[in-house]
Amino acid sequence: MFAKCKKSPMHVALGLGMIAIGIWLIMNDRFFIWPPEAVEVVNDDIWGFMFALVGVGHLIWVYDSGKSVKWNRVLLTLTGGLMGFLTVYQFLIWNATGHYMSWISNAIITAFVLILARRSDSGNA
């Protein structure tokens, strides 16, 4: 069990992180405060569920004996898209309201995903 985690520790960390972000978004029903017209939509639990589902997908990929390259690319693309969206959206909230959101740490996670995707394409993941 742990041997598979040792072979893909970055995917495990990314999967657990995505699950944690998803749970955080599900538990906080008033996390996003801007724009006022979209608060109900952006605070919907479906966003958190998508993050958690992609995180679970990463963990399944780690334990899959086949390690499908196509599945890995799909997961990293979804992760990069979700984290990129979250980063930009939190930056816009901070810029519009002055209320700091954790966009800097999310930008770092997005960069981590891009580096992991780059390494995965070269067969070093």
N, C-alpha and C. Protein backbone atom coordinates (compact mmCIF):
# COMPACT_ATOMS: atom_id res chain seq x y z
N MET A 1 0.83 -1.19 0.00
CA MET A 1 0.00 0.00 0.00
C MET A 1 0.88 1.26 0.00
N PHE A 2 1.83 1.31 0.94
CA PHE A 2 2.68 2.49 1.03
C PHE A 2 3.72 2.52 -0.08
N ALA A 3 4.02 1.36 -0.65
CA ALA A 3 4.99 1.31 -1.74
C ALA A 3 4.47 2.09 -2.94
N LYS A 4 3.19 2.01 -3.20
CA LYS A 4 2.61 2.76 -4.32
C LYS A 4 2.61 4.25 -4.03
N CYS A 5 2.41 4.61 -2.77
CA CYS A 5 2.48 6.02 -2.38
C CYS A 5 3.89 6.57 -2.56
N LYS A 6 4.89 5.73 -2.26
CA LYS A 6 6.28 6.17 -2.40
C LYS A 6 6.67 6.38 -3.85
N LYS A 7 6.00 5.67 -4.77
CA LYS A 7 6.32 5.83 -6.19
C LYS A 7 5.72 7.11 -6.77
N SER A 8 4.64 7.61 -6.19
CA SER A 8 3.98 8.82 -6.69
C SER A 8 3.59 9.74 -5.54
N PRO A 9 4.56 10.21 -4.76
CA PRO A 9 4.21 11.01 -3.58
C PRO A 9 3.57 12.35 -3.93
N MET A 10 3.94 12.93 -5.08
CA MET A 10 3.35 14.22 -5.45
C MET A 10 1.88 14.07 -5.82
N HIS A 11 1.53 12.95 -6.46
CA HIS A 11 0.13 12.71 -6.78
C HIS A 11 -0.68 12.47 -5.50
N VAL A 12 -0.08 11.78 -4.54
CA VAL A 12 -0.76 11.56 -3.26
C VAL A 12 -1.00 12.89 -2.56
N ALA A 13 0.04 13.73 -2.49
CA ALA A 13 -0.10 15.04 -1.84
C ALA A 13 -1.14 15.89 -2.56
N LEU A 14 -1.11 15.87 -3.88
CA LEU A 14 -2.08 16.64 -4.65
C LEU A 14 -3.50 16.12 -4.44
N GLY A 15 -3.66 14.81 -4.43
CA GLY A 15 -4.98 14.22 -4.20
C GLY A 15 -5.53 14.58 -2.83
N LEU A 16 -4.69 14.44 -1.81
CA LEU A 16 -5.14 14.79 -0.45
C LEU A 16 -5.43 16.28 -0.32
N GLY A 17 -4.61 17.10 -0.96
CA GLY A 17 -4.84 18.54 -0.94
C GLY A 17 -6.15 18.93 -1.62
N MET A 18 -6.43 18.31 -2.75
CA MET A 18 -7.68 18.61 -3.46
C MET A 18 -8.89 18.17 -2.64
N ILE A 19 -8.77 17.03 -1.98
CA ILE A 19 -9.87 16.57 -1.12
C ILE A 19 -10.06 17.56 0.03
N ALA A 20 -8.97 18.02 0.63
CA ALA A 20 -9.07 18.98 1.75
C ALA A 20 -9.70 20.29 1.29
N ILE A 21 -9.29 20.79 0.13
CA ILE A 21 -9.89 22.03 -0.40
C ILE A 21 -11.36 21.81 -0.67
N GLY A 22 -11.71 20.66 -1.24
CA GLY A 22 -13.11 20.35 -1.51
C GLY A 22 -13.95 20.33 -0.25
N ILE A 23 -13.45 19.67 0.78
CA ILE A 23 -14.17 19.62 2.06
C ILE A 23 -14.31 21.02 2.64
N TRP A 24 -13.25 21.82 2.55
CA TRP A 24 -13.29 23.20 3.05
C TRP A 24 -14.39 23.99 2.32
N LEU A 25 -14.46 23.86 1.01
CA LEU A 25 -15.47 24.60 0.24
C LEU A 25 -16.88 24.10 0.55
N ILE A 26 -17.03 22.82 0.80
CA ILE A 26 -18.35 22.28 1.14
C ILE A 26 -18.79 22.77 2.52
N MET A 27 -17.87 22.82 3.46
CA MET A 27 -18.21 23.20 4.84
C MET A 27 -18.46 24.70 4.99
N ASN A 28 -17.86 25.53 4.15
CA ASN A 28 -18.00 26.98 4.28
C ASN A 28 -18.97 27.51 3.23
N ASP A 29 -20.20 27.73 3.67
CA ASP A 29 -21.26 28.13 2.75
C ASP A 29 -21.21 29.61 2.38
N ARG A 30 -20.41 30.39 3.05
CA ARG A 30 -20.29 31.82 2.75
C ARG A 30 -18.82 32.22 2.56
N PHE A 31 -18.04 31.37 1.92
CA PHE A 31 -16.62 31.64 1.75
C PHE A 31 -16.38 32.74 0.72
N PHE A 32 -17.06 32.67 -0.41
CA PHE A 32 -16.90 33.67 -1.46
C PHE A 32 -17.92 34.78 -1.27
N ILE A 33 -17.45 36.03 -1.34
CA ILE A 33 -18.32 37.16 -1.01
C ILE A 33 -18.53 38.12 -2.18
N TRP A 34 -17.96 37.82 -3.32
CA TRP A 34 -18.05 38.72 -4.46
C TRP A 34 -18.14 37.92 -5.73
N PRO A 35 -18.83 38.37 -6.74
CA PRO A 35 -19.75 39.50 -6.79
C PRO A 35 -21.07 39.15 -6.11
N PRO A 36 -21.73 40.13 -5.56
CA PRO A 36 -22.96 39.85 -4.79
C PRO A 36 -24.01 39.07 -5.57
N GLU A 37 -24.07 39.28 -6.88
CA GLU A 37 -25.07 38.61 -7.71
C GLU A 37 -24.79 37.11 -7.84
N ALA A 38 -23.54 36.70 -7.66
CA ALA A 38 -23.16 35.31 -7.90
C ALA A 38 -22.83 34.54 -6.63
N VAL A 39 -23.04 35.14 -5.47
CA VAL A 39 -22.64 34.51 -4.21
C VAL A 39 -23.29 33.14 -4.03
N GLU A 40 -24.54 33.01 -4.36
CA GLU A 40 -25.23 31.72 -4.19
C GLU A 40 -24.66 30.65 -5.11
N VAL A 41 -24.31 31.03 -6.32
CA VAL A 41 -23.79 30.06 -7.30
C VAL A 41 -22.38 29.61 -6.91
N VAL A 42 -21.50 30.55 -6.59
CA VAL A 42 -20.11 30.20 -6.31
C VAL A 42 -19.92 29.54 -4.94
N ASN A 43 -20.87 29.67 -4.06
CA ASN A 43 -20.80 29.00 -2.76
C ASN A 43 -21.56 27.68 -2.75
N ASP A 44 -22.01 27.23 -3.91
CA ASP A 44 -22.71 25.96 -4.01
C ASP A 44 -21.74 24.81 -3.70
N ASP A 45 -22.22 23.77 -3.05
CA ASP A 45 -21.38 22.64 -2.66
C ASP A 45 -20.84 21.85 -3.85
N ILE A 46 -21.40 22.04 -5.03
CA ILE A 46 -20.92 21.31 -6.21
C ILE A 46 -19.47 21.63 -6.50
N TRP A 47 -19.03 22.86 -6.23
CA TRP A 47 -17.63 23.24 -6.46
C TRP A 47 -16.71 22.43 -5.55
N GLY A 48 -17.05 22.35 -4.29
CA GLY A 48 -16.25 21.56 -3.36
C GLY A 48 -16.27 20.09 -3.72
N PHE A 49 -17.42 19.61 -4.17
CA PHE A 49 -17.52 18.21 -4.58
C PHE A 49 -16.61 17.93 -5.77
N MET A 50 -16.51 18.86 -6.71
CA MET A 50 -15.63 18.67 -7.87
C MET A 50 -14.18 18.58 -7.44
N PHE A 51 -13.76 19.45 -6.52
CA PHE A 51 -12.39 19.41 -6.02
C PHE A 51 -12.12 18.06 -5.35
N ALA A 52 -13.03 17.64 -4.48
CA ALA A 52 -12.85 16.38 -3.76
C ALA A 52 -12.84 15.19 -4.72
N LEU A 53 -13.70 15.21 -5.72
CA LEU A 53 -13.78 14.12 -6.69
C LEU A 53 -12.48 13.99 -7.48
N VAL A 54 -11.92 15.10 -7.90
CA VAL A 54 -10.65 15.07 -8.62
C VAL A 54 -9.54 14.57 -7.69
N GLY A 55 -9.57 14.97 -6.43
CA GLY A 55 -8.59 14.47 -5.46
C GLY A 55 -8.68 12.96 -5.28
N VAL A 56 -9.89 12.45 -5.18
CA VAL A 56 -10.08 11.01 -5.09
C VAL A 56 -9.58 10.33 -6.36
N GLY A 57 -9.80 10.97 -7.50
CA GLY A 57 -9.28 10.44 -8.76
C GLY A 57 -7.77 10.30 -8.75
N HIS A 58 -7.09 11.27 -8.18
CA HIS A 58 -5.62 11.19 -8.07
C HIS A 58 -5.21 10.00 -7.20
N LEU A 59 -5.90 9.79 -6.09
CA LEU A 59 -5.55 8.67 -5.21
C LEU A 59 -5.84 7.33 -5.88
N ILE A 60 -6.93 7.25 -6.62
CA ILE A 60 -7.23 6.03 -7.36
C ILE A 60 -6.14 5.77 -8.39
N TRP A 61 -5.69 6.82 -9.07
CA TRP A 61 -4.64 6.67 -10.07
C TRP A 61 -3.35 6.14 -9.43
N VAL A 62 -3.03 6.62 -8.23
CA VAL A 62 -1.83 6.16 -7.54
C VAL A 62 -1.91 4.66 -7.26
N TYR A 63 -3.07 4.17 -6.85
CA TYR A 63 -3.21 2.77 -6.49
C TYR A 63 -3.55 1.88 -7.69
N ASP A 64 -3.81 2.46 -8.84
CA ASP A 64 -4.08 1.69 -10.05
C ASP A 64 -2.78 1.07 -10.55
N SER A 65 -2.80 -0.21 -10.80
CA SER A 65 -1.57 -0.88 -11.23
C SER A 65 -1.21 -0.53 -12.67
N GLY A 66 -2.19 -0.10 -13.48
CA GLY A 66 -1.92 0.22 -14.88
C GLY A 66 -1.30 1.59 -15.09
N LYS A 67 -1.55 2.54 -14.18
CA LYS A 67 -1.03 3.91 -14.27
C LYS A 67 -1.24 4.50 -15.68
N SER A 68 -2.47 4.63 -16.09
CA SER A 68 -2.81 5.14 -17.41
C SER A 68 -2.30 6.58 -17.59
N VAL A 69 -1.53 6.78 -18.64
CA VAL A 69 -1.01 8.12 -18.95
C VAL A 69 -2.16 9.06 -19.32
N LYS A 70 -3.13 8.54 -20.05
CA LYS A 70 -4.28 9.36 -20.46
C LYS A 70 -5.08 9.81 -19.23
N TRP A 71 -5.32 8.91 -18.29
CA TRP A 71 -6.05 9.23 -17.06
C TRP A 71 -5.28 10.27 -16.25
N ASN A 72 -3.96 10.13 -16.18
CA ASN A 72 -3.12 11.08 -15.48
C ASN A 72 -3.24 12.47 -16.11
N ARG A 73 -3.20 12.53 -17.42
CA ARG A 73 -3.31 13.82 -18.11
C ARG A 73 -4.66 14.47 -17.85
N VAL A 74 -5.71 13.68 -17.86
CA VAL A 74 -7.05 14.23 -17.59
C VAL A 74 -7.12 14.78 -16.17
N LEU A 75 -6.61 14.01 -15.20
CA LEU A 75 -6.64 14.46 -13.81
C LEU A 75 -5.81 15.73 -13.60
N LEU A 76 -4.63 15.78 -14.19
CA LEU A 76 -3.79 16.97 -14.03
C LEU A 76 -4.39 18.17 -14.74
N THR A 77 -5.05 17.95 -15.87
CA THR A 77 -5.72 19.06 -16.56
C THR A 77 -6.88 19.59 -15.72
N LEU A 78 -7.68 18.69 -15.18
CA LEU A 78 -8.80 19.11 -14.32
C LEU A 78 -8.29 19.84 -13.08
N THR A 79 -7.25 19.30 -12.47
CA THR A 79 -6.67 19.92 -11.27
C THR A 79 -6.12 21.31 -11.59
N GLY A 80 -5.38 21.41 -12.68
CA GLY A 80 -4.84 22.71 -13.08
C GLY A 80 -5.94 23.71 -13.38
N GLY A 81 -7.00 23.27 -14.04
CA GLY A 81 -8.12 24.15 -14.34
C GLY A 81 -8.84 24.62 -13.08
N LEU A 82 -9.13 23.68 -12.19
CA LEU A 82 -9.82 24.05 -10.94
C LEU A 82 -8.97 24.98 -10.08
N MET A 83 -7.69 24.65 -9.93
CA MET A 83 -6.82 25.48 -9.10
C MET A 83 -6.56 26.83 -9.75
N GLY A 84 -6.42 26.86 -11.07
CA GLY A 84 -6.25 28.13 -11.77
C GLY A 84 -7.46 29.02 -11.61
N PHE A 85 -8.65 28.42 -11.76
CA PHE A 85 -9.88 29.18 -11.57
C PHE A 85 -9.98 29.73 -10.15
N LEU A 86 -9.70 28.86 -9.17
CA LEU A 86 -9.77 29.29 -7.77
C LEU A 86 -8.79 30.42 -7.48
N THR A 87 -7.58 30.31 -8.02
CA THR A 87 -6.56 31.34 -7.82
C THR A 87 -7.01 32.68 -8.39
N VAL A 88 -7.45 32.68 -9.63
CA VAL A 88 -7.87 33.93 -10.29
C VAL A 88 -9.10 34.50 -9.59
N TYR A 89 -10.04 33.65 -9.24
CA TYR A 89 -11.26 34.14 -8.59
C TYR A 89 -10.96 34.76 -7.23
N GLN A 90 -10.09 34.12 -6.46
CA GLN A 90 -9.74 34.68 -5.15
C GLN A 90 -8.93 35.97 -5.31
N PHE A 91 -8.09 36.05 -6.33
CA PHE A 91 -7.37 37.29 -6.60
C PHE A 91 -8.34 38.42 -6.95
N LEU A 92 -9.36 38.11 -7.75
CA LEU A 92 -10.35 39.13 -8.12
C LEU A 92 -11.15 39.59 -6.90
N ILE A 93 -11.50 38.66 -6.01
CA ILE A 93 -12.21 39.04 -4.79
C ILE A 93 -11.35 39.97 -3.95
N TRP A 94 -10.08 39.62 -3.79
CA TRP A 94 -9.17 40.47 -3.02
C TRP A 94 -9.03 41.84 -3.67
N ASN A 95 -8.91 41.87 -4.99
CA ASN A 95 -8.75 43.13 -5.71
C ASN A 95 -10.01 43.99 -5.62
N ALA A 96 -11.19 43.37 -5.68
CA ALA A 96 -12.45 44.13 -5.67
C ALA A 96 -12.89 44.56 -4.28
N THR A 97 -12.61 43.74 -3.28
CA THR A 97 -13.13 44.02 -1.94
C THR A 97 -12.07 44.38 -0.92
N GLY A 98 -10.81 44.04 -1.19
CA GLY A 98 -9.76 44.26 -0.22
C GLY A 98 -9.71 43.17 0.83
N HIS A 99 -10.63 42.23 0.77
CA HIS A 99 -10.67 41.11 1.71
C HIS A 99 -9.72 40.04 1.20
N TYR A 100 -8.64 39.79 1.94
CA TYR A 100 -7.62 38.85 1.46
C TYR A 100 -8.17 37.44 1.39
N MET A 101 -7.91 36.83 0.26
CA MET A 101 -8.21 35.41 0.06
C MET A 101 -6.86 34.72 -0.14
N SER A 102 -6.82 33.43 -0.04
CA SER A 102 -5.55 32.69 -0.11
C SER A 102 -5.11 32.43 -1.55
N TRP A 103 -5.15 33.46 -2.37
CA TRP A 103 -4.81 33.28 -3.78
C TRP A 103 -3.34 33.02 -3.99
N ILE A 104 -2.47 33.51 -3.12
CA ILE A 104 -1.03 33.29 -3.30
C ILE A 104 -0.69 31.81 -3.11
N SER A 105 -1.20 31.20 -2.06
CA SER A 105 -0.93 29.78 -1.86
C SER A 105 -1.57 28.94 -2.95
N ASN A 106 -2.71 29.34 -3.44
CA ASN A 106 -3.34 28.62 -4.54
C ASN A 106 -2.55 28.77 -5.83
N ALA A 107 -1.92 29.92 -6.03
CA ALA A 107 -1.06 30.11 -7.20
C ALA A 107 0.15 29.17 -7.12
N ILE A 108 0.67 28.98 -5.92
CA ILE A 108 1.80 28.06 -5.73
C ILE A 108 1.37 26.62 -6.02
N ILE A 109 0.19 26.25 -5.56
CA ILE A 109 -0.33 24.90 -5.85
C ILE A 109 -0.54 24.73 -7.35
N THR A 110 -1.05 25.76 -8.01
CA THR A 110 -1.25 25.69 -9.46
C THR A 110 0.08 25.50 -10.16
N ALA A 111 1.12 26.21 -9.72
CA ALA A 111 2.46 26.04 -10.29
C ALA A 111 2.96 24.62 -10.05
N PHE A 112 2.70 24.08 -8.87
CA PHE A 112 3.07 22.70 -8.55
C PHE A 112 2.40 21.73 -9.52
N VAL A 113 1.13 21.96 -9.81
CA VAL A 113 0.40 21.10 -10.76
C VAL A 113 1.02 21.19 -12.15
N LEU A 114 1.37 22.39 -12.57
CA LEU A 114 1.98 22.55 -13.89
C LEU A 114 3.34 21.88 -13.97
N ILE A 115 4.13 21.96 -12.91
CA ILE A 115 5.42 21.29 -12.88
C ILE A 115 5.23 19.77 -12.91
N LEU A 116 4.26 19.28 -12.15
CA LEU A 116 3.97 17.85 -12.13
C LEU A 116 3.50 17.38 -13.50
N ALA A 117 2.68 18.17 -14.15
CA ALA A 117 2.22 17.81 -15.50
C ALA A 117 3.38 17.77 -16.48
N ARG A 118 4.27 18.71 -16.35
CA ARG A 118 5.45 18.74 -17.24
C ARG A 118 6.30 17.50 -17.03
N ARG A 119 6.53 17.15 -15.77
CA ARG A 119 7.32 15.95 -15.46
C ARG A 119 6.59 14.69 -15.91
N SER A 120 5.27 14.67 -15.81
CA SER A 120 4.51 13.50 -16.21
C SER A 120 4.62 13.26 -17.71
N ASP A 121 4.68 14.33 -18.49
CA ASP A 121 4.83 14.18 -19.94
C ASP A 121 6.17 13.59 -20.31
N SER A 122 7.17 13.84 -19.49
CA SER A 122 8.51 13.33 -19.81
C SER A 122 8.71 11.92 -19.26
N GLY A 123 7.73 11.37 -18.58
CA GLY A 123 7.82 10.02 -18.04
C GLY A 123 8.55 9.94 -16.72
N ASN A 124 8.77 11.07 -16.04
CA ASN A 124 9.48 11.07 -14.77
C ASN A 124 8.57 11.15 -13.56
N ALA A 125 7.27 11.07 -13.74
CA ALA A 125 6.35 11.23 -12.61
C ALA A 125 6.21 9.96 -11.81
